[in-house]
C-alpha cells in the first residue's frame, strides 16, 4: 500500500484551510450566549439576516452572474470586506467553506477504497457487510463499519491482537473478538465502564455459545433434510442426533428472533444480518450508567492506584482461567504515550491500536502512542469532542496546564503557533448534514439563554458567559419560567424582576431571532472546515514520521448516522517493525 497524498500535499491543504479560517474563525469563536450583549451581528455582518438565510438555502444550488462575482471579489476575501472585515457576500463565504471542507479538498479515502487496498488479493475475513444491513442503528453502523476495517488491518499486518483505547462499554471490542476472532484488550480509565464491559462479557459468552449451537443444529438439520428421500416420512427429532446442537432454554432466550429469519437465506453460509443485529442488541442489555469524569494518574491517590493494579491482575488471572472463552479483556488504566503497554498487557505481541470516538486529547494521544511503541503495527482512530482538546498556543495559557497538548499535533502547525479557540472547536462538533435536514439546532433554547445573559448583565452585573444554568430550558413552561428557574439555579435574587419585566426582554429581542438563526447557520457551515483542520493536523503528524508505509484520512461512517465519521489510519512498514 502507498499513501495517496504526500506530506507536502497535506501541508499545502492545511495552508489553504488555515488561510480561510484566518479570515472566518472570528464567527466560529463568537459565543452564542453573548450574541446580544456583544452585538455579534453588527460586529461581523454588513448584510441583513434574510440575505444570509436565503444564501444558505439556495446558494449551493445556484450559479451567480459572473459580473456580480467579479464586482464583489475586488473588495472581498471569502465574502468579507477587506476594509471593515464584515461579511458582504454570504454566498461567497458559503462556497469557500464548502471548498475548504474535507470533501471539498478531496483528501479522504472512502471505506471501500481502504478495504480494497488492505485486502489486495487476499481472502476476505469475517463478514462482507453491506451498509444497508445496519443503517437503522447508529451504534451498529459504527461498530460493524469500523470492525471490518480493523480486522482487515490486522490481517494485512499479520497480527492477532487489538488494543481498544477508551473502550467504554466494550461494543467495538466485543464485536471484533466474537465476529473476527481477534484477541482484544479494551483499556478505559473509568472503572464503571470496565465493570460494565465485564458484565457484557458474561452475557456475550452465553450468546456466543448459543449462536454456535444454533448454527450446528442448523447444519445438522440441513444434512438430515438432504438424506431424506422424497415421499419418506421423518418421525424422528432431527436435532436429537447431535448433542452439540441442543440449545438450552436459557440460551434459547438469547436467540429469540432467529426462527423468524428467511429459511431461504439461512441456506447460505454467509453471516445472517439479523443475527448480527441480535448480537448488537445483546451488547446493550446492561443498564447504562453515567460515566464518571476521567482522572489523570497524577491525581489518583496511592490507594486508588493499588486498587486498579490489583483489579487488573485479578482480571488477567481470570482471563487465563477462562482461556478461549474470553470475549475480550477489559482493563482499567489511564494511558499516555509514556505508558509501558507490555507491563499493562503481559501477553502483548504486535497489535493494532484503535479508538472509536475517543474524546478530546485521547485521540491525539492514541496517535502519539502508535508512533512511540514498536509493538503497535497499525492505528485506526476516530476522535470526537473537539471542544475538550487542549491547545498549546492558547493566549490565556490555561488549556495546556497538563503538559503535552492535543492540538496542534503536527510539527508543521506547531511551527506556526496555530490557535483555534474553544468556541471554534465547539462549533466543529456541529453536524452540517443533520442541520441541513432541519435537525440539530434548538434555536429557542439558544435564544432564551442569550436574552437571559442580557438580563444578567443589566440587573446582576454579570458579564461572563461561563455561568452555567444547566438544563433549565427542558423544564421551563415559558420564558418567564425559564428566567426564574435560571436565577434560582445561579442563586440570584429573582425578586428584583417582575414577570412583566422579564417578558419585556423577550418581546424586545424576539424580532431579532432571525439574526441568531442566520449567524448559527454560518457557524454550521464553518464546522467542517474547523474539523478538517484538526484532522489534517493529525494526518500531517503521521506523514511526518519516517517509519510509516501508509497513512490516510478515511470516511468510515455515514455522516447522517454518525457525524464524527472520519478515521485517521496509519500502518508501519514491515521492515521497521521487525528492526525495532
Foldseek 3Di string as FASTA:
>chain_A
DFAPDFLVLLLVLLVLLVVLCVLVLVLLQDDLLQCPVVVVCVLAAPDDLVQLVVLLVPLVPDDDDPVVCVVQVVQDDLQAGPPRSHGHDNSSVLVSLCCSFCVNVVFAAALVVLLCVLCVPHDQFFAPDDQVLPPVALLLLQLVLVLSSQLSVCVSLVHQEEEEEQCFQPLNLLCNCLRGVGAYEYEHQFVVRLVNNVVLQVLVLLQSLLVVLCLVLVVQVVVVVVVDDPPDDDPDDSSVVDPSNDHDPVSVVLVPPPVVDDPVVSVDPGDDSVSSVSSSVSSPPDDDDDTDDRDPPVPDDPVVVVVQVVVLVVQVVVCVVCDSSGSYGYGHDDDALPDDVCVSPVPQAAYEYEYDAAEAQVQQRSLSNCQNDLSYFKYKYQYAHNLLWAAPLDVVPPRCPVPDTRPQDAPSVVVVSDDSHNSLSVLLRFQLVQVVVVDDDPLVVSVLSSLLCVVCVVPVVDNDPPDDQPPLPVVAPDSLSSSVSSCVSVVHDPVVDDSVRRVVSCVVCVVVSSSSVSSSNSSNSNNSSSVRSNVSSSQSRQSPDDFWRYWGKYQSGDCVSPVSRIITITGGDPVSSVVD
